[in-house]
PDB file of N, CA and C in Angstrom:
ATOM      1  N   MET A   1      20.429  16.905  -5.699  1.00  0.00           N
ATOM      2  CA  MET A   1      19.361  16.621  -6.639  1.00  0.00           C
ATOM      3  C   MET A   1      18.028  16.573  -5.886  1.00  0.00           C
ATOM      4  N   THR A   2      17.016  17.187  -6.428  1.00  0.00           N
ATOM      5  CA  THR A   2      15.690  17.219  -5.826  1.00  0.00           C
ATOM      6  C   THR A   2      14.966  15.905  -6.093  1.00  0.00           C
ATOM      7  N   PRO A   3      14.399  15.291  -5.034  1.00  0.00           N
ATOM      8  CA  PRO A   3      13.692  14.023  -5.266  1.00  0.00           C
ATOM      9  C   PRO A   3      12.416  14.240  -6.080  1.00  0.00           C
ATOM     10  N   GLU A   4      12.091  13.248  -6.894  1.00  0.00           N
ATOM     11  CA  GLU A   4      10.860  13.302  -7.684  1.00  0.00           C
ATOM     12  C   GLU A   4       9.679  13.031  -6.754  1.00  0.00           C
ATOM     13  N   LEU A   5       8.700  13.923  -6.761  1.00  0.00           N
ATOM     14  CA  LEU A   5       7.547  13.792  -5.867  1.00  0.00           C
ATOM     15  C   LEU A   5       6.306  13.361  -6.635  1.00  0.00           C
ATOM     16  N   PHE A   6       5.481  12.534  -5.993  1.00  0.00           N
ATOM     17  CA  PHE A   6       4.233  12.039  -6.568  1.00  0.00           C
ATOM     18  C   PHE A   6       3.083  12.389  -5.633  1.00  0.00           C
ATOM     19  N   THR A   7       1.959  12.801  -6.190  1.00  0.00           N
ATOM     20  CA  THR A   7       0.740  12.938  -5.401  1.00  0.00           C
ATOM     21  C   THR A   7       0.185  11.528  -5.150  1.00  0.00           C
ATOM     22  N   THR A   8      -0.866  11.422  -4.364  1.00  0.00           N
ATOM     23  CA  THR A   8      -1.468  10.117  -4.097  1.00  0.00           C
ATOM     24  C   THR A   8      -1.948   9.470  -5.393  1.00  0.00           C
ATOM     25  N   SER A   9      -2.588  10.229  -6.266  1.00  0.00           N
ATOM     26  CA  SER A   9      -3.069   9.688  -7.541  1.00  0.00           C
ATOM     27  C   SER A   9      -1.914   9.245  -8.433  1.00  0.00           C
ATOM     28  N   GLN A  10      -0.856  10.035  -8.482  1.00  0.00           N
ATOM     29  CA  GLN A  10       0.312   9.669  -9.281  1.00  0.00           C
ATOM     30  C   GLN A  10       1.007   8.438  -8.707  1.00  0.00           C
ATOM     31  N   ALA A  11       1.083   8.368  -7.378  1.00  0.00           N
ATOM     32  CA  ALA A  11       1.694   7.205  -6.726  1.00  0.00           C
ATOM     33  C   ALA A  11       0.892   5.947  -7.031  1.00  0.00           C
ATOM     34  N   ALA A  12      -0.432   6.057  -7.009  1.00  0.00           N
ATOM     35  CA  ALA A  12      -1.290   4.911  -7.314  1.00  0.00           C
ATOM     36  C   ALA A  12      -1.042   4.421  -8.738  1.00  0.00           C
ATOM     37  N   ALA A  13      -0.962   5.348  -9.675  1.00  0.00           N
ATOM     38  CA  ALA A  13      -0.707   4.976 -11.074  1.00  0.00           C
ATOM     39  C   ALA A  13       0.675   4.351 -11.214  1.00  0.00           C
ATOM     40  N   TYR A  14       1.664   4.890 -10.541  1.00  0.00           N
ATOM     41  CA  TYR A  14       3.030   4.375 -10.610  1.00  0.00           C
ATOM     42  C   TYR A  14       3.119   2.955 -10.048  1.00  0.00           C
ATOM     43  N   LEU A  15       2.388   2.704  -8.945  1.00  0.00           N
ATOM     44  CA  LEU A  15       2.432   1.388  -8.298  1.00  0.00           C
ATOM     45  C   LEU A  15       1.433   0.398  -8.882  1.00  0.00           C
ATOM     46  N   GLY A  16       0.451   0.895  -9.629  1.00  0.00           N
ATOM     47  CA  GLY A  16      -0.572   0.022 -10.183  1.00  0.00           C
ATOM     48  C   GLY A  16      -1.590  -0.422  -9.149  1.00  0.00           C
ATOM     49  N   VAL A  17      -1.899   0.478  -8.207  1.00  0.00           N
ATOM     50  CA  VAL A  17      -2.882   0.187  -7.161  1.00  0.00           C
ATOM     51  C   VAL A  17      -3.941   1.283  -7.172  1.00  0.00           C
ATOM     52  N   THR A  18      -4.979   1.133  -6.362  1.00  0.00           N
ATOM     53  CA  THR A  18      -6.013   2.165  -6.277  1.00  0.00           C
ATOM     54  C   THR A  18      -5.483   3.370  -5.507  1.00  0.00           C
ATOM     55  N   ARG A  19      -6.147   4.479  -5.672  1.00  0.00           N
ATOM     56  CA  ARG A  19      -5.766   5.694  -4.939  1.00  0.00           C
ATOM     57  C   ARG A  19      -5.924   5.476  -3.437  1.00  0.00           C
ATOM     58  N   GLN A  20      -6.973   4.745  -3.048  1.00  0.00           N
ATOM     59  CA  GLN A  20      -7.202   4.467  -1.634  1.00  0.00           C
ATOM     60  C   GLN A  20      -6.062   3.620  -1.060  1.00  0.00           C
ATOM     61  N   HIS A  21      -5.595   2.658  -1.850  1.00  0.00           N
ATOM     62  CA  HIS A  21      -4.485   1.824  -1.380  1.00  0.00           C
ATOM     63  C   HIS A  21      -3.216   2.660  -1.243  1.00  0.00           C
ATOM     64  N   ALA A  22      -2.969   3.524  -2.210  1.00  0.00           N
ATOM     65  CA  ALA A  22      -1.794   4.400  -2.130  1.00  0.00           C
ATOM     66  C   ALA A  22      -1.887   5.286  -0.897  1.00  0.00           C
ATOM     67  N   HIS A  23      -3.076   5.786  -0.601  1.00  0.00           N
ATOM     68  CA  HIS A  23      -3.248   6.629   0.590  1.00  0.00           C
ATOM     69  C   HIS A  23      -3.003   5.824   1.863  1.00  0.00           C
ATOM     70  N   SER A  24      -3.331   4.533   1.854  1.00  0.00           N
ATOM     71  CA  SER A  24      -3.119   3.705   3.045  1.00  0.00           C
ATOM     72  C   SER A  24      -1.630   3.538   3.362  1.00  0.00           C
ATOM     73  N   LEU A  25      -0.766   3.813   2.399  1.00  0.00           N
ATOM     74  CA  LEU A  25       0.674   3.742   2.658  1.00  0.00           C
ATOM     75  C   LEU A  25       1.104   4.763   3.702  1.00  0.00           C
ATOM     76  N   THR A  26       0.342   5.847   3.836  1.00  0.00           N
ATOM     77  CA  THR A  26       0.684   6.861   4.828  1.00  0.00           C
ATOM     78  C   THR A  26       0.612   6.278   6.237  1.00  0.00           C
ATOM     79  N   LYS A  27      -0.266   5.288   6.445  1.00  0.00           N
ATOM     80  CA  LYS A  27      -0.383   4.645   7.758  1.00  0.00           C
ATOM     81  C   LYS A  27       0.787   3.706   8.025  1.00  0.00           C
ATOM     82  N   GLN A  28       1.531   3.358   6.970  1.00  0.00           N
ATOM     83  CA  GLN A  28       2.705   2.504   7.110  1.00  0.00           C
ATOM     84  C   GLN A  28       3.988   3.330   7.195  1.00  0.00           C
ATOM     85  N   GLY A  29       3.842   4.647   7.261  1.00  0.00           N
ATOM     86  CA  GLY A  29       4.999   5.522   7.426  1.00  0.00           C
ATOM     87  C   GLY A  29       5.565   6.105   6.156  1.00  0.00           C
ATOM     88  N   TYR A  30       4.889   5.906   5.032  1.00  0.00           N
ATOM     89  CA  TYR A  30       5.354   6.459   3.761  1.00  0.00           C
ATOM     90  C   TYR A  30       4.674   7.795   3.511  1.00  0.00           C
ATOM     91  N   GLY A  31       5.342   8.649   2.762  1.00  0.00           N
ATOM     92  CA  GLY A  31       4.750   9.923   2.362  1.00  0.00           C
ATOM     93  C   GLY A  31       4.958  11.021   3.387  1.00  0.00           C
ATOM     94  N   THR A  32       4.763  12.251   2.913  1.00  0.00           N
ATOM     95  CA  THR A  32       4.856  13.445   3.745  1.00  0.00           C
ATOM     96  C   THR A  32       3.666  14.319   3.421  1.00  0.00           C
ATOM     97  N   ARG A  33       3.046  14.862   4.431  1.00  0.00           N
ATOM     98  CA  ARG A  33       1.879  15.710   4.222  1.00  0.00           C
ATOM     99  C   ARG A  33       2.298  17.168   4.096  1.00  0.00           C
ATOM    100  N   TYR A  34       1.837  17.789   3.019  1.00  0.00           N
ATOM    101  CA  TYR A  34       2.045  19.214   2.776  1.00  0.00           C
ATOM    102  C   TYR A  34       0.669  19.862   2.754  1.00  0.00           C
ATOM    103  N   GLY A  35       0.277  20.469   3.869  1.00  0.00           N
ATOM    104  CA  GLY A  35      -1.085  21.005   3.974  1.00  0.00           C
ATOM    105  C   GLY A  35      -2.063  19.853   3.961  1.00  0.00           C
ATOM    106  N   SER A  36      -2.925  19.791   2.968  1.00  0.00           N
ATOM    107  CA  SER A  36      -3.904  18.703   2.871  1.00  0.00           C
ATOM    108  C   SER A  36      -3.524  17.664   1.825  1.00  0.00           C
ATOM    109  N   VAL A  37      -2.310  17.786   1.266  1.00  0.00           N
ATOM    110  CA  VAL A  37      -1.877  16.903   0.179  1.00  0.00           C
ATOM    111  C   VAL A  37      -0.746  15.999   0.662  1.00  0.00           C
ATOM    112  N   TRP A  38      -0.875  14.700   0.390  1.00  0.00           N
ATOM    113  CA  TRP A  38       0.197  13.747   0.685  1.00  0.00           C
ATOM    114  C   TRP A  38       1.087  13.624  -0.544  1.00  0.00           C
ATOM    115  N   MET A  39       2.393  13.632  -0.331  1.00  0.00           N
ATOM    116  CA  MET A  39       3.367  13.490  -1.408  1.00  0.00           C
ATOM    117  C   MET A  39       4.300  12.335  -1.067  1.00  0.00           C
ATOM    118  N   PHE A  40       4.704  11.594  -2.097  1.00  0.00           N
ATOM    119  CA  PHE A  40       5.583  10.447  -1.952  1.00  0.00           C
ATOM    120  C   PHE A  40       6.788  10.638  -2.861  1.00  0.00           C
ATOM    121  N   THR A  41       7.958  10.217  -2.391  1.00  0.00           N
ATOM    122  CA  THR A  41       9.134  10.245  -3.267  1.00  0.00           C
ATOM    123  C   THR A  41       9.184   8.932  -4.051  1.00  0.00           C
ATOM    124  N   ARG A  42       9.831   8.965  -5.197  1.00  0.00           N
ATOM    125  CA  ARG A  42      10.001   7.753  -6.000  1.00  0.00           C
ATOM    126  C   ARG A  42      10.766   6.707  -5.182  1.00  0.00           C
ATOM    127  N   GLU A  43      11.748   7.144  -4.406  1.00  0.00           N
ATOM    128  CA  GLU A  43      12.547   6.216  -3.609  1.00  0.00           C
ATOM    129  C   GLU A  43      11.695   5.427  -2.619  1.00  0.00           C
ATOM    130  N   GLU A  44      10.779   6.113  -1.911  1.00  0.00           N
ATOM    131  CA  GLU A  44       9.960   5.382  -0.939  1.00  0.00           C
ATOM    132  C   GLU A  44       8.925   4.494  -1.629  1.00  0.00           C
ATOM    133  N   LEU A  45       8.438   4.895  -2.804  1.00  0.00           N
ATOM    134  CA  LEU A  45       7.512   4.031  -3.540  1.00  0.00           C
ATOM    135  C   LEU A  45       8.236   2.790  -4.049  1.00  0.00           C
ATOM    136  N   ASP A  46       9.464   2.962  -4.513  1.00  0.00           N
ATOM    137  CA  ASP A  46      10.252   1.813  -4.956  1.00  0.00           C
ATOM    138  C   ASP A  46      10.588   0.897  -3.782  1.00  0.00           C
ATOM    139  N   ARG A  47      10.854   1.489  -2.617  1.00  0.00           N
ATOM    140  CA  ARG A  47      11.134   0.704  -1.408  1.00  0.00           C
ATOM    141  C   ARG A  47       9.909  -0.126  -1.018  1.00  0.00           C
ATOM    142  N   TRP A  48       8.714   0.484  -1.093  1.00  0.00           N
ATOM    143  CA  TRP A  48       7.484  -0.244  -0.773  1.00  0.00           C
ATOM    144  C   TRP A  48       7.269  -1.373  -1.787  1.00  0.00           C
ATOM    145  N   ARG A  49       7.488  -1.079  -3.057  1.00  0.00           N
ATOM    146  CA  ARG A  49       7.283  -2.064  -4.116  1.00  0.00           C
ATOM    147  C   ARG A  49       8.227  -3.258  -3.964  1.00  0.00           C
ATOM    148  N   ALA A  50       9.422  -3.032  -3.442  1.00  0.00           N
ATOM    149  CA  ALA A  50      10.417  -4.091  -3.300  1.00  0.00           C
ATOM    150  C   ALA A  50      10.127  -5.041  -2.143  1.00  0.00           C
ATOM    151  N   GLN A  51       9.218  -4.668  -1.249  1.00  0.00           N
ATOM    152  CA  GLN A  51       8.888  -5.532  -0.114  1.00  0.00           C
ATOM    153  C   GLN A  51       8.160  -6.777  -0.605  1.00  0.00           C
ATOM    154  N   PRO A  52       8.305  -7.895   0.130  1.00  0.00           N
ATOM    155  CA  PRO A  52       7.551  -9.095  -0.236  1.00  0.00           C
ATOM    156  C   PRO A  52       6.050  -8.817  -0.196  1.00  0.00           C
ATOM    157  N   ALA A  53       5.330  -9.394  -1.132  1.00  0.00           N
ATOM    158  CA  ALA A  53       3.884  -9.182  -1.211  1.00  0.00           C
ATOM    159  C   ALA A  53       3.202  -9.763   0.004  1.00  0.00           C
ATOM    160  N   LYS A  54       2.254  -9.028   0.516  1.00  0.00           N
ATOM    161  CA  LYS A  54       1.415  -9.500   1.604  1.00  0.00           C
ATOM    162  C   LYS A  54       0.013  -9.560   1.025  1.00  0.00           C
ATOM    163  N   GLY A  55      -0.982  -9.392   1.837  1.00  0.00           N
ATOM    164  CA  GLY A  55      -2.354  -9.364   1.341  1.00  0.00           C
ATOM    165  C   GLY A  55      -2.747  -7.945   0.996  1.00  0.00           C
ATOM    166  N   PRO A  56      -4.024  -7.724   0.695  1.00  0.00           N
ATOM    167  CA  PRO A  56      -4.500  -6.380   0.390  1.00  0.00           C
ATOM    168  C   PRO A  56      -4.208  -5.417   1.546  1.00  0.00           C
ATOM    169  N   GLY A  57      -3.767  -4.229   1.227  1.00  0.00           N
ATOM    170  CA  GLY A  57      -3.503  -3.217   2.247  1.00  0.00           C
ATOM    171  C   GLY A  57      -2.279  -3.516   3.085  1.00  0.00           C
ATOM    172  N   GLY A  58      -1.418  -4.437   2.629  1.00  0.00           N
ATOM    173  CA  GLY A  58      -0.221  -4.765   3.378  1.00  0.00           C
ATOM    174  C   GLY A  58      -0.464  -5.732   4.514  1.00  0.00           C
ATOM    175  N   ARG A  59      -1.637  -6.301   4.560  1.00  0.00           N
ATOM    176  CA  ARG A  59      -1.967  -7.261   5.612  1.00  0.00           C
ATOM    177  C   ARG A  59      -1.778  -8.671   5.084  1.00  0.00           C
ATOM    178  N   PRO A  60      -1.544  -9.641   5.976  1.00  0.00           N
ATOM    179  CA  PRO A  60      -1.475 -11.027   5.521  1.00  0.00           C
ATOM    180  C   PRO A  60      -2.792 -11.428   4.871  1.00  0.00           C
ATOM    181  N   PRO A  61      -2.772 -12.307   3.877  1.00  0.00           N
ATOM    182  CA  PRO A  61      -4.012 -12.689   3.209  1.00  0.00           C
ATOM    183  C   PRO A  61      -4.976 -13.378   4.164  1.00  0.00           C
ATOM    184  N   LYS A  62      -6.264 -13.108   3.977  1.00  0.00           N
ATOM    185  CA  LYS A  62      -7.302 -13.727   4.791  1.00  0.00           C
ATOM    186  C   LYS A  62      -7.611 -15.114   4.236  1.00  0.00           C
ATOM    187  N   ALA A  63      -8.043 -15.992   5.133  1.00  0.00           N
ATOM    188  CA  ALA A  63      -8.453 -17.322   4.702  1.00  0.00           C
ATOM    189  C   ALA A  63      -9.762 -17.200   3.928  1.00  0.00           C
ATOM    190  N   HIS A  64      -9.962 -18.084   2.993  1.00  0.00           N
ATOM    191  CA  HIS A  64     -11.183 -18.099   2.199  1.00  0.00           C
ATOM    192  C   HIS A  64     -12.367 -18.407   3.107  1.00  0.00           C
ATOM    193  N   ALA A  65     -13.497 -17.760   2.867  1.00  0.00           N
ATOM    194  CA  ALA A  65     -14.705 -18.004   3.666  1.00  0.00           C
ATOM    195  C   ALA A  65     -15.047 -19.487   3.630  1.00  0.00           C
ATOM    196  N   GLY A  66     -15.311 -20.058   4.771  1.00  0.00           N
ATOM    197  CA  GLY A  66     -15.690 -21.455   4.853  1.00  0.00           C
ATOM    198  C   GLY A  66     -14.516 -22.381   5.099  1.00  0.00           C
ATOM    199  N   THR A  67     -13.306 -21.896   4.972  1.00  0.00           N
ATOM    200  CA  THR A  67     -12.136 -22.749   5.157  1.00  0.00           C
ATOM    201  C   THR A  67     -12.073 -23.283   6.583  1.00  0.00           C
ATOM    202  N   LEU A  68     -12.280 -22.417   7.562  1.00  0.00           N
ATOM    203  CA  LEU A  68     -12.213 -22.847   8.953  1.00  0.00           C
ATOM    204  C   LEU A  68     -13.276 -23.885   9.250  1.00  0.00           C
ATOM    205  N   ALA A  69     -14.495 -23.694   8.753  1.00  0.00           N
ATOM    206  CA  ALA A  69     -15.568 -24.648   8.992  1.00  0.00           C
ATOM    207  C   ALA A  69     -15.230 -25.987   8.364  1.00  0.00           C
ATOM    208  N   GLN A  70     -14.572 -25.986   7.224  1.00  0.00           N
ATOM    209  CA  GLN A  70     -14.215 -27.227   6.558  1.00  0.00           C
ATOM    210  C   GLN A  70     -13.118 -27.967   7.330  1.00  0.00           C
ATOM    211  N   LEU A  71     -12.260 -27.238   8.015  1.00  0.00           N
ATOM    212  CA  LEU A  71     -11.155 -27.851   8.727  1.00  0.00           C
ATOM    213  C   LEU A  71     -11.517 -28.250  10.162  1.00  0.00           C
ATOM    214  N   THR A  72     -12.579 -27.686  10.687  1.00  0.00           N
ATOM    215  CA  THR A  72     -12.978 -27.965  12.068  1.00  0.00           C
ATOM    216  C   THR A  72     -13.713 -29.298  12.136  1.00  0.00           C
ATOM    217  N   PRO A  73     -13.262 -30.225  12.996  1.00  0.00           N
ATOM    218  CA  PRO A  73     -13.966 -31.502  13.119  1.00  0.00           C
ATOM    219  C   PRO A  73     -15.371 -31.305  13.669  1.00  0.00           C
ATOM    220  N   ALA A  74     -16.290 -32.124  13.214  1.00  0.00           N
ATOM    221  CA  ALA A  74     -17.693 -32.012  13.646  1.00  0.00           C
ATOM    222  C   ALA A  74     -17.903 -32.633  15.000  1.00  0.00           C
TER     223      ALA A  74
END
């Protein structure tokens, strides 16, 4: 059976993220480049979706601005 392929825009719509975020998945090892176009299989998008949520772009969430200053003794 041929895997279902998604372009970056289709992958973004499928995952409910921006196109830029979907493209950033390529830096995490997802997708295959065909010429100038990145393609993703449904299986790898589902695998990414099943991972525990991190922060934006797959990074741990950043502390709120001012949090460190509030916690640092004067």
